[in-house]
Amino acid sequence: MANVILTAGATAPHHQPLHVFYALLPIVVLAIAFDFYCLRDLVRARSVRHLPKVVWALIIVLISAPWGGLIYLFVGRDRGRPSTAP
């Protein structure tokens, strides 16, 4: 009986079904789009906090999406000063 179980497991495919790829594709596309949004925001920003823009760009690109972009938005993005005019 143990031989039947072992051989049945050995003949099973070792790759994920294609439908799993299609299910994860929208998440991957959104993560990449979010990184592009963060990079666009970084390029357009007048100033950033704590690090130079080049370092923030590397953080956005090299740290797994969406974590690099989130770190930039919460830590590095310069939100500007509040206006004193009415």
Protein backbone atom coordinates (compact mmCIF):
# COMPACT_ATOMS: atom_id res chain seq x y z
CA MET A 1 0.00 0.00 0.00
CA ALA A 2 2.87 2.38 0.83
CA ASN A 3 4.39 1.78 -2.63
CA VAL A 4 1.15 2.81 -4.30
CA ILE A 5 1.06 6.07 -2.34
CA LEU A 6 4.72 6.83 -3.05
CA THR A 7 4.43 6.17 -6.78
CA ALA A 8 1.22 8.18 -7.04
CA GLY A 9 2.97 11.17 -5.49
CA ALA A 10 5.99 10.75 -7.76
CA THR A 11 3.91 11.01 -10.94
CA ALA A 12 2.14 14.21 -9.87
CA PRO A 13 3.13 17.33 -11.85
CA HIS A 14 5.64 19.63 -10.18
CA HIS A 15 4.32 22.89 -11.58
CA GLN A 16 1.43 25.11 -10.64
CA PRO A 17 -1.65 25.04 -12.84
CA LEU A 18 -2.01 27.87 -15.31
CA HIS A 19 -5.16 29.20 -13.64
CA VAL A 20 -3.11 30.14 -10.57
CA PHE A 21 -0.93 32.32 -12.80
CA TYR A 22 -3.99 34.04 -14.24
CA ALA A 23 -5.42 34.57 -10.77
CA LEU A 24 -2.23 36.26 -9.54
CA LEU A 25 -1.68 38.34 -12.67
CA PRO A 26 -3.93 41.30 -11.63
CA ILE A 27 -2.11 41.53 -8.28
CA VAL A 28 1.28 41.61 -9.99
CA VAL A 29 0.08 44.24 -12.48
CA LEU A 30 -1.26 46.42 -9.64
CA ALA A 31 2.01 46.11 -7.71
CA ILE A 32 4.04 47.17 -10.76
CA ALA A 33 1.65 50.05 -11.48
CA PHE A 34 2.00 51.18 -7.85
CA ASP A 35 5.79 51.20 -8.18
CA PHE A 36 5.53 53.30 -11.34
CA TYR A 37 3.20 55.72 -9.53
CA CYS A 38 5.72 56.07 -6.71
CA LEU A 39 8.61 56.61 -9.13
CA ARG A 40 6.59 59.24 -11.02
CA ASP A 41 5.76 60.98 -7.76
CA LEU A 42 9.43 60.87 -6.77
CA VAL A 43 10.58 62.42 -10.04
CA ARG A 44 8.01 65.23 -9.80
CA ALA A 45 8.69 65.98 -6.13
CA ARG A 46 10.52 69.20 -5.34
CA SER A 47 12.15 67.61 -2.30
CA VAL A 48 12.12 64.39 -0.30
CA ARG A 49 12.88 63.60 3.31
CA HIS A 50 15.81 61.74 4.87
CA LEU A 51 17.57 60.40 1.72
CA PRO A 52 18.49 61.60 -1.79
CA LYS A 53 16.06 60.90 -4.64
CA VAL A 54 18.37 58.31 -6.19
CA VAL A 55 18.36 56.25 -3.00
CA TRP A 56 14.56 56.48 -2.76
CA ALA A 57 14.31 55.29 -6.37
CA LEU A 58 16.47 52.28 -5.53
CA ILE A 59 14.34 51.53 -2.47
CA ILE A 60 11.14 51.67 -4.54
CA VAL A 61 12.55 49.41 -7.26
CA LEU A 62 14.60 46.92 -5.24
CA ILE A 63 12.35 46.26 -2.26
CA SER A 64 9.51 43.92 -3.16
CA ALA A 65 6.39 45.68 -4.34
CA PRO A 66 4.52 47.29 -2.70
CA TRP A 67 6.77 47.64 0.36
CA GLY A 68 9.38 49.92 -1.22
CA GLY A 69 6.70 52.28 -2.50
CA LEU A 70 4.90 52.31 0.82
CA ILE A 71 8.14 53.12 2.66
CA TYR A 72 8.70 56.01 0.27
CA LEU A 73 5.16 57.35 0.65
CA PHE A 74 5.13 57.22 4.44
CA VAL A 75 8.76 58.07 5.25
CA GLY A 76 10.39 59.82 2.30
CA ARG A 77 7.65 61.83 0.66
CA ASP A 78 7.77 65.50 1.55
CA ARG A 79 4.19 66.48 2.22
CA GLY A 80 4.97 70.18 2.15
CA ARG A 81 4.15 72.76 4.74
CA PRO A 82 0.59 73.72 5.51
CA SER A 83 -0.52 76.99 4.05
CA THR A 84 -1.01 79.92 6.42
CA ALA A 85 -3.24 81.79 3.97
CA PRO A 86 -7.02 81.58 4.51
